[in-house]
């Protein structure tokens, strides 16, 4: 009787161990249970990226829109070409978006910027949280979400056409 119980426990332990190993192998190298710093590595599509000087003529078609105007009148700006600058608060390289705090790094004034690798200026090799960027893009929509306090919040979503590091002078 004890031998049967021991063998059943051994089999249960081995099955649990196999499931755990399988889960870890299939998690695609994601770090589990830790906060890792997100970084966007840029450079895979250098031939498609423009330099700042190459984009300077196109940049004249974009107009600055303050966060207040953008937030309160988002529907008026749908499809409009705007530019803005701010600090990166969150990066999501898998879904290809970043949350950027506008108007002096204010966490309550955040917009969502969707990008592709070819949207970055040619001289950028990587971006990480708290970097200051200047981006040009078109207003797509409004993103509704519930914040950590349980309030429904909305933020503008912008499809980036060009992103550059902003150098503070």
C-alpha atoms as a PDB file:
ATOM      1  CA  UNK A   1       0.000   0.000   0.000  1.00  0.00           C
ATOM      2  CA  UNK A   2       2.792   2.444   0.905  1.00  0.00           C
ATOM      3  CA  UNK A   3       4.692   1.543  -2.267  1.00  0.00           C
ATOM      4  CA  UNK A   4       1.631   2.369  -4.368  1.00  0.00           C
ATOM      5  CA  UNK A   5       1.212   5.696  -2.558  1.00  0.00           C
ATOM      6  CA  UNK A   6       4.909   6.544  -3.036  1.00  0.00           C
ATOM      7  CA  UNK A   7       4.788   5.744  -6.739  1.00  0.00           C
ATOM      8  CA  UNK A   8       1.619   7.835  -7.202  1.00  0.00           C
ATOM      9  CA  UNK A   9       3.253  10.768  -5.396  1.00  0.00           C
ATOM     10  CA  UNK A  10       6.383  10.369  -7.526  1.00  0.00           C
ATOM     11  CA  UNK A  11       4.325  10.320 -10.710  1.00  0.00           C
ATOM     12  CA  UNK A  12       2.356  13.408  -9.586  1.00  0.00           C
ATOM     13  CA  UNK A  13       5.604  15.222  -8.746  1.00  0.00           C
ATOM     14  CA  UNK A  14       7.175  14.349 -12.098  1.00  0.00           C
ATOM     15  CA  UNK A  15       4.058  15.470 -13.984  1.00  0.00           C
ATOM     16  CA  UNK A  16       4.032  18.785 -12.104  1.00  0.00           C
ATOM     17  CA  UNK A  17       7.726  19.232 -12.836  1.00  0.00           C
ATOM     18  CA  UNK A  18       7.183  18.554 -16.561  1.00  0.00           C
ATOM     19  CA  UNK A  19       4.310  21.052 -16.726  1.00  0.00           C
ATOM     20  CA  UNK A  20       6.443  23.708 -15.005  1.00  0.00           C
ATOM     21  CA  UNK A  21       9.391  23.109 -17.344  1.00  0.00           C
ATOM     22  CA  UNK A  22       7.072  23.207 -20.361  1.00  0.00           C
ATOM     23  CA  UNK A  23       5.567  26.504 -19.221  1.00  0.00           C
ATOM     24  CA  UNK A  24       8.985  28.073 -18.710  1.00  0.00           C
ATOM     25  CA  UNK A  25      10.182  26.923 -22.129  1.00  0.00           C
ATOM     26  CA  UNK A  26       7.064  28.185 -23.896  1.00  0.00           C
ATOM     27  CA  UNK A  27       7.032  31.578 -22.184  1.00  0.00           C
ATOM     28  CA  UNK A  28       9.310  32.872 -24.993  1.00  0.00           C
ATOM     29  CA  UNK A  29      12.054  34.237 -22.752  1.00  0.00           C
ATOM     30  CA  UNK A  30       9.742  36.575 -20.869  1.00  0.00           C
ATOM     31  CA  UNK A  31      10.962  37.534 -17.458  1.00  0.00           C
ATOM     32  CA  UNK A  32       8.474  36.186 -14.938  1.00  0.00           C
ATOM     33  CA  UNK A  33       7.800  38.029 -11.708  1.00  0.00           C
ATOM     34  CA  UNK A  34      10.249  40.891 -12.128  1.00  0.00           C
ATOM     35  CA  UNK A  35      10.190  44.399 -13.436  1.00  0.00           C
ATOM     36  CA  UNK A  36      12.516  44.608 -16.370  1.00  0.00           C
ATOM     37  CA  UNK A  37      13.351  47.885 -17.985  1.00  0.00           C
ATOM     38  CA  UNK A  38      11.768  48.188 -21.400  1.00  0.00           C
ATOM     39  CA  UNK A  39      14.010  49.269 -24.225  1.00  0.00           C
ATOM     40  CA  UNK A  40      13.259  49.668 -27.900  1.00  0.00           C
ATOM     41  CA  UNK A  41      16.230  48.670 -29.993  1.00  0.00           C
ATOM     42  CA  UNK A  42      16.120  50.496 -33.277  1.00  0.00           C
ATOM     43  CA  UNK A  43      18.176  49.807 -36.331  1.00  0.00           C
ATOM     44  CA  UNK A  44      16.749  46.800 -38.129  1.00  0.00           C
ATOM     45  CA  UNK A  45      15.270  48.971 -40.889  1.00  0.00           C
ATOM     46  CA  UNK A  46      17.929  51.678 -41.249  1.00  0.00           C
ATOM     47  CA  UNK A  47      17.385  51.932 -44.993  1.00  0.00           C
ATOM     48  CA  UNK A  48      13.741  52.970 -44.469  1.00  0.00           C
ATOM     49  CA  UNK A  49      14.472  55.485 -41.723  1.00  0.00           C
ATOM     50  CA  UNK A  50      14.875  59.169 -42.471  1.00  0.00           C
ATOM     51  CA  UNK A  51      17.350  61.517 -40.915  1.00  0.00           C
ATOM     52  CA  UNK A  52      16.153  64.675 -39.189  1.00  0.00           C
ATOM     53  CA  UNK A  53      17.345  66.806 -42.111  1.00  0.00           C
ATOM     54  CA  UNK A  54      15.508  64.580 -44.620  1.00  0.00           C
ATOM     55  CA  UNK A  55      12.294  64.949 -42.609  1.00  0.00           C
ATOM     56  CA  UNK A  56      12.622  68.730 -42.110  1.00  0.00           C
ATOM     57  CA  UNK A  57      10.605  69.609 -45.250  1.00  0.00           C
ATOM     58  CA  UNK A  58       7.795  67.231 -44.289  1.00  0.00           C
ATOM     59  CA  UNK A  59       7.771  68.533 -40.706  1.00  0.00           C
ATOM     60  CA  UNK A  60       6.393  71.860 -41.945  1.00  0.00           C
ATOM     61  CA  UNK A  61       3.061  70.120 -42.645  1.00  0.00           C
ATOM     62  CA  UNK A  62       2.606  69.329 -38.932  1.00  0.00           C
ATOM     63  CA  UNK A  63       1.278  71.751 -36.340  1.00  0.00           C
ATOM     64  CA  UNK A  64       1.753  71.831 -32.594  1.00  0.00           C
ATOM     65  CA  UNK A  65      -1.354  71.003 -30.567  1.00  0.00           C
ATOM     66  CA  UNK A  66      -1.327  71.327 -26.798  1.00  0.00           C
ATOM     67  CA  UNK A  67      -2.454  68.378 -24.720  1.00  0.00           C
ATOM     68  CA  UNK A  68      -5.499  70.328 -23.441  1.00  0.00           C
ATOM     69  CA  UNK A  69      -6.748  70.987 -26.976  1.00  0.00           C
ATOM     70  CA  UNK A  70      -6.008  67.449 -28.046  1.00  0.00           C
ATOM     71  CA  UNK A  71      -7.698  65.913 -24.998  1.00  0.00           C
ATOM     72  CA  UNK A  72     -10.811  68.106 -25.000  1.00  0.00           C
ATOM     73  CA  UNK A  73     -11.335  68.173 -28.787  1.00  0.00           C
ATOM     74  CA  UNK A  74      -9.870  64.890 -29.981  1.00  0.00           C
ATOM     75  CA  UNK A  75     -12.584  64.334 -32.578  1.00  0.00           C
ATOM     76  CA  UNK A  76     -11.720  67.671 -34.215  1.00  0.00           C
ATOM     77  CA  UNK A  77      -8.160  66.483 -34.735  1.00  0.00           C
ATOM     78  CA  UNK A  78      -8.855  63.004 -36.157  1.00  0.00           C
ATOM     79  CA  UNK A  79      -6.564  62.618 -39.168  1.00  0.00           C
ATOM     80  CA  UNK A  80      -4.726  65.873 -38.424  1.00  0.00           C
ATOM     81  CA  UNK A  81      -0.962  65.998 -38.632  1.00  0.00           C
ATOM     82  CA  UNK A  82       0.411  67.182 -35.298  1.00  0.00           C
ATOM     83  CA  UNK A  83       3.699  67.215 -33.441  1.00  0.00           C
ATOM     84  CA  UNK A  84       4.334  67.107 -29.736  1.00  0.00           C
ATOM     85  CA  UNK A  85       7.146  66.295 -27.321  1.00  0.00           C
ATOM     86  CA  UNK A  86       7.315  64.634 -23.951  1.00  0.00           C
ATOM     87  CA  UNK A  87       8.838  61.928 -21.766  1.00  0.00           C
ATOM     88  CA  UNK A  88       8.327  58.232 -22.407  1.00  0.00           C
ATOM     89  CA  UNK A  89       6.442  56.715 -19.473  1.00  0.00           C
ATOM     90  CA  UNK A  90       5.928  53.197 -20.774  1.00  0.00           C
ATOM     91  CA  UNK A  91       7.231  51.218 -23.719  1.00  0.00           C
ATOM     92  CA  UNK A  92       5.620  48.145 -25.203  1.00  0.00           C
ATOM     93  CA  UNK A  93       7.904  46.842 -27.951  1.00  0.00           C
ATOM     94  CA  UNK A  94       5.676  43.811 -28.566  1.00  0.00           C
ATOM     95  CA  UNK A  95       2.524  45.801 -29.337  1.00  0.00           C
ATOM     96  CA  UNK A  96       4.550  48.688 -30.774  1.00  0.00           C
ATOM     97  CA  UNK A  97       3.275  51.580 -28.698  1.00  0.00           C
ATOM     98  CA  UNK A  98       4.609  53.966 -26.097  1.00  0.00           C
ATOM     99  CA  UNK A  99       2.886  56.136 -23.534  1.00  0.00           C
ATOM    100  CA  UNK A 100       4.298  59.658 -23.623  1.00  0.00           C
ATOM    101  CA  UNK A 101       3.698  62.253 -20.887  1.00  0.00           C
ATOM    102  CA  UNK A 102       3.287  65.670 -22.477  1.00  0.00           C
ATOM    103  CA  UNK A 103       3.463  69.202 -21.062  1.00  0.00           C
ATOM    104  CA  UNK A 104       6.348  68.992 -18.640  1.00  0.00           C
ATOM    105  CA  UNK A 105       6.374  65.273 -17.821  1.00  0.00           C
ATOM    106  CA  UNK A 106       2.919  65.399 -16.207  1.00  0.00           C
ATOM    107  CA  UNK A 107       1.724  61.822 -15.617  1.00  0.00           C
ATOM    108  CA  UNK A 108      -1.929  62.878 -16.027  1.00  0.00           C
ATOM    109  CA  UNK A 109      -1.277  64.202 -19.534  1.00  0.00           C
ATOM    110  CA  UNK A 110      -0.394  61.028 -21.370  1.00  0.00           C
ATOM    111  CA  UNK A 111      -1.043  60.049 -24.965  1.00  0.00           C
ATOM    112  CA  UNK A 112      -0.528  56.706 -26.659  1.00  0.00           C
ATOM    113  CA  UNK A 113       1.837  56.741 -29.632  1.00  0.00           C
ATOM    114  CA  UNK A 114       1.759  53.810 -32.065  1.00  0.00           C
ATOM    115  CA  UNK A 115       4.897  53.317 -34.148  1.00  0.00           C
ATOM    116  CA  UNK A 116       6.762  51.079 -36.551  1.00  0.00           C
ATOM    117  CA  UNK A 117      10.524  50.623 -36.645  1.00  0.00           C
ATOM    118  CA  UNK A 118      10.804  52.847 -39.712  1.00  0.00           C
ATOM    119  CA  UNK A 119       9.240  55.805 -37.828  1.00  0.00           C
ATOM    120  CA  UNK A 120      12.403  56.496 -35.832  1.00  0.00           C
ATOM    121  CA  UNK A 121      15.046  58.992 -36.863  1.00  0.00           C
ATOM    122  CA  UNK A 122      18.066  57.288 -38.362  1.00  0.00           C
ATOM    123  CA  UNK A 123      20.453  58.316 -35.563  1.00  0.00           C
ATOM    124  CA  UNK A 124      18.450  56.601 -32.782  1.00  0.00           C
ATOM    125  CA  UNK A 125      19.817  53.232 -31.740  1.00  0.00           C
ATOM    126  CA  UNK A 126      17.598  52.664 -28.691  1.00  0.00           C
ATOM    127  CA  UNK A 127      14.887  54.310 -26.609  1.00  0.00           C
ATOM    128  CA  UNK A 128      13.950  53.684 -23.022  1.00  0.00           C
ATOM    129  CA  UNK A 129      11.574  55.007 -20.404  1.00  0.00           C
ATOM    130  CA  UNK A 130      12.135  58.649 -19.318  1.00  0.00           C
ATOM    131  CA  UNK A 131      13.793  59.578 -22.632  1.00  0.00           C
ATOM    132  CA  UNK A 132      12.525  62.862 -24.042  1.00  0.00           C
ATOM    133  CA  UNK A 133      11.172  62.510 -27.571  1.00  0.00           C
ATOM    134  CA  UNK A 134       9.621  64.692 -30.206  1.00  0.00           C
ATOM    135  CA  UNK A 135       7.135  62.926 -32.436  1.00  0.00           C
ATOM    136  CA  UNK A 136       5.156  63.774 -35.532  1.00  0.00           C
ATOM    137  CA  UNK A 137       2.001  61.879 -36.383  1.00  0.00           C
ATOM    138  CA  UNK A 138      -1.689  61.715 -37.123  1.00  0.00           C
ATOM    139  CA  UNK A 139      -4.419  61.572 -34.509  1.00  0.00           C
ATOM    140  CA  UNK A 140      -6.137  58.186 -34.770  1.00  0.00           C
ATOM    141  CA  UNK A 141      -8.638  57.778 -31.967  1.00  0.00           C
ATOM    142  CA  UNK A 142      -9.233  57.844 -28.236  1.00  0.00           C
ATOM    143  CA  UNK A 143      -8.112  55.020 -25.954  1.00  0.00           C
ATOM    144  CA  UNK A 144     -10.427  54.373 -22.980  1.00  0.00           C
ATOM    145  CA  UNK A 145      -9.063  52.524 -19.966  1.00  0.00           C
ATOM    146  CA  UNK A 146      -9.570  52.221 -16.226  1.00  0.00           C
ATOM    147  CA  UNK A 147      -6.723  53.573 -14.092  1.00  0.00           C
ATOM    148  CA  UNK A 148      -5.394  52.163 -10.824  1.00  0.00           C
ATOM    149  CA  UNK A 149      -7.973  54.176  -8.848  1.00  0.00           C
ATOM    150  CA  UNK A 150     -10.859  52.634 -10.790  1.00  0.00           C
ATOM    151  CA  UNK A 151     -11.671  55.744 -12.829  1.00  0.00           C
ATOM    152  CA  UNK A 152     -12.365  55.575 -16.528  1.00  0.00           C
ATOM    153  CA  UNK A 153      -9.773  57.636 -18.353  1.00  0.00           C
ATOM    154  CA  UNK A 154      -9.379  58.451 -22.013  1.00  0.00           C
ATOM    155  CA  UNK A 155      -6.253  59.409 -23.852  1.00  0.00           C
ATOM    156  CA  UNK A 156      -5.521  60.387 -27.445  1.00  0.00           C
ATOM    157  CA  UNK A 157      -3.924  57.799 -29.733  1.00  0.00           C
ATOM    158  CA  UNK A 158      -1.464  59.051 -32.324  1.00  0.00           C
ATOM    159  CA  UNK A 159       0.062  57.080 -35.214  1.00  0.00           C
ATOM    160  CA  UNK A 160       3.669  58.222 -35.387  1.00  0.00           C
ATOM    161  CA  UNK A 161       5.199  59.195 -38.703  1.00  0.00           C
ATOM    162  CA  UNK A 162       8.550  60.335 -37.287  1.00  0.00           C
ATOM    163  CA  UNK A 163      10.117  60.086 -33.823  1.00  0.00           C
ATOM    164  CA  UNK A 164      13.325  61.754 -32.738  1.00  0.00           C
ATOM    165  CA  UNK A 165      15.175  62.228 -29.466  1.00  0.00           C
ATOM    166  CA  UNK A 166      14.679  65.718 -28.155  1.00  0.00           C
ATOM    167  CA  UNK A 167      17.903  67.323 -26.988  1.00  0.00           C
ATOM    168  CA  UNK A 168      17.353  69.830 -24.168  1.00  0.00           C
ATOM    169  CA  UNK A 169      19.361  72.982 -24.756  1.00  0.00           C
END
